[in-house]
Amino acid sequence: MKILLDTHIFLWFISGDSQLPVSTRDAIRDSDNDVYLSVVSVWEAIVKYQLGKLPLPSHPATYLPQQRQAHQITNLDLDETSVTQLENLPYLHRDPFDRMLICQASHHNLVIATVDSAIRAYSITTI
């Protein structure tokens, strides 16, 4: 399975947060799965950190890539074809970061790991 982590799932995973469903944690740890973190999630986390809404142990520009690499999670860059998927995406959710993750998952045939019901409202596979 190819899994794209929603931002909160990545943050819960790296911090060992008990809110992370065990099945999701196990899927991320399963070496048979390819796990991705979008640059969009890094962007979102940096914005929230700058606004004082996301405490982190160190600066996100260093901390997040270090954690991604330490957990053997692959970086997913944002490409033009993913962005153009927005044109056909129904407007069910207002969060621009989540909408872009949906576009990336759709374009790259990824399953999104999320607990966000607004993301789950789209016709995309989630865990």
Protein backbone atom coordinates (compact mmCIF):
# COMPACT_ATOMS: atom_id res chain seq x y z
CA MET A 1 0.00 0.00 0.00
CA LYS A 2 1.18 3.55 -0.76
CA ILE A 3 0.19 5.86 2.11
CA LEU A 4 0.18 9.66 2.24
CA LEU A 5 0.18 10.94 5.81
CA ASP A 6 -2.13 13.78 6.72
CA THR A 7 -0.18 16.39 8.69
CA HIS A 8 -1.72 15.52 12.06
CA ILE A 9 -1.07 11.81 11.52
CA PHE A 10 2.63 12.50 10.89
CA LEU A 11 2.86 14.72 13.98
CA TRP A 12 1.08 12.15 16.15
CA PHE A 13 3.30 9.38 14.78
CA ILE A 14 6.62 11.12 15.44
CA SER A 15 5.52 12.21 18.92
CA GLY A 16 3.98 8.88 19.94
CA ASP A 17 0.62 10.56 20.54
CA SER A 18 -2.09 8.19 21.83
CA GLN A 19 -4.62 9.81 19.45
CA LEU A 20 -2.99 7.94 16.56
CA PRO A 21 -5.10 4.85 15.82
CA VAL A 22 -3.11 1.65 16.38
CA SER A 23 -4.08 0.35 12.93
CA THR A 24 -2.68 3.52 11.33
CA ARG A 25 0.53 3.32 13.37
CA ASP A 26 0.94 -0.31 12.33
CA ALA A 27 0.36 0.54 8.65
CA ILE A 28 3.02 3.26 8.83
CA ARG A 29 5.49 0.86 10.45
CA ASP A 30 4.75 -1.98 8.02
CA SER A 31 7.82 -2.31 5.79
CA ASP A 32 5.60 -3.60 2.95
CA ASN A 33 4.00 -0.16 2.71
CA ASP A 34 5.46 2.92 1.06
CA VAL A 35 4.81 5.92 3.31
CA TYR A 36 4.95 9.53 2.12
CA LEU A 37 4.88 12.97 3.70
CA SER A 38 3.97 15.81 1.39
CA VAL A 39 5.92 19.04 1.29
CA VAL A 40 2.44 20.56 1.74
CA SER A 41 2.34 19.11 5.28
CA VAL A 42 5.74 20.62 6.05
CA TRP A 43 4.47 23.97 4.76
CA GLU A 44 1.31 23.68 6.90
CA ALA A 45 3.29 22.79 10.02
CA ILE A 46 5.69 25.70 9.54
CA VAL A 47 2.78 28.13 9.12
CA LYS A 48 1.09 26.81 12.28
CA TYR A 49 4.38 26.93 14.17
CA GLN A 50 4.90 30.57 13.15
CA LEU A 51 1.37 31.42 14.29
CA GLY A 52 2.06 29.85 17.69
CA LYS A 53 -0.50 27.08 17.10
CA LEU A 54 1.97 24.18 16.86
CA PRO A 55 4.60 23.69 19.55
CA LEU A 56 7.57 21.65 18.39
CA PRO A 57 10.81 20.69 20.18
CA SER A 58 12.87 22.65 17.66
CA HIS A 59 12.50 24.71 14.49
CA PRO A 60 10.23 22.89 12.00
CA ALA A 61 12.47 23.53 8.98
CA THR A 62 15.04 21.25 10.60
CA TYR A 63 12.95 19.08 12.92
CA LEU A 64 10.32 17.85 10.44
CA PRO A 65 12.73 16.66 7.72
CA GLN A 66 14.91 14.99 10.38
CA GLN A 67 11.91 13.15 11.78
CA ARG A 68 10.68 12.17 8.32
CA GLN A 69 14.07 10.71 7.48
CA ALA A 70 14.49 9.03 10.87
CA HIS A 71 11.20 7.19 10.36
CA GLN A 72 12.04 6.29 6.74
CA ILE A 73 9.14 8.28 5.33
CA THR A 74 9.56 9.44 1.74
CA ASN A 75 9.23 13.10 0.79
CA LEU A 76 6.49 13.89 -1.73
CA ASP A 77 7.12 17.07 -3.70
CA LEU A 78 4.26 19.16 -5.06
CA ASP A 79 4.02 18.89 -8.82
CA GLU A 80 2.01 20.83 -11.38
CA THR A 81 -0.23 17.91 -12.33
CA SER A 82 -1.29 17.46 -8.70
CA VAL A 83 -2.10 21.16 -8.44
CA THR A 84 -4.23 21.11 -11.58
CA GLN A 85 -6.39 18.41 -9.95
CA LEU A 86 -7.93 21.26 -7.92
CA GLU A 87 -9.97 22.28 -10.96
CA ASN A 88 -12.09 19.13 -10.70
CA LEU A 89 -12.08 18.69 -6.92
CA PRO A 90 -15.49 19.31 -5.35
CA TYR A 91 -15.46 22.06 -2.75
CA LEU A 92 -16.36 19.90 0.26
CA HIS A 93 -13.58 21.17 2.48
CA ARG A 94 -12.17 24.67 2.98
CA ASP A 95 -8.68 23.78 4.21
CA PRO A 96 -6.30 24.49 1.30
CA PHE A 97 -3.57 22.21 2.69
CA ASP A 98 -5.94 19.25 2.97
CA ARG A 99 -7.37 19.91 -0.48
CA MET A 100 -3.88 19.76 -1.94
CA LEU A 101 -3.14 16.51 -0.11
CA ILE A 102 -6.31 15.08 -1.66
CA CYS A 103 -5.12 16.19 -5.09
CA GLN A 104 -1.72 14.60 -4.55
CA ALA A 105 -3.24 11.36 -3.32
CA SER A 106 -5.56 11.25 -6.30
CA HIS A 107 -2.82 11.96 -8.83
CA HIS A 108 -0.29 9.54 -7.32
CA ASN A 109 -2.80 6.79 -6.38
CA LEU A 110 -2.08 7.08 -2.66
CA VAL A 111 -4.23 6.18 0.34
CA ILE A 112 -4.52 9.05 2.82
CA ALA A 113 -3.95 8.26 6.50
CA THR A 114 -6.26 10.67 8.32
CA VAL A 115 -8.94 10.95 10.99
CA ASP A 116 -10.34 14.09 9.35
CA SER A 117 -13.99 13.44 8.40
CA ALA A 118 -13.91 16.28 5.85
CA ILE A 119 -11.14 14.51 3.91
CA ARG A 120 -13.01 11.23 4.20
CA ALA A 121 -16.00 12.90 2.49
CA TYR A 122 -14.10 12.88 -0.81
CA SER A 123 -14.07 9.83 -3.04
CA ILE A 124 -10.53 8.89 -2.13
CA THR A 125 -9.30 5.89 -0.21
CA THR A 126 -8.41 6.61 3.42
CA ILE A 127 -7.20 4.65 6.39
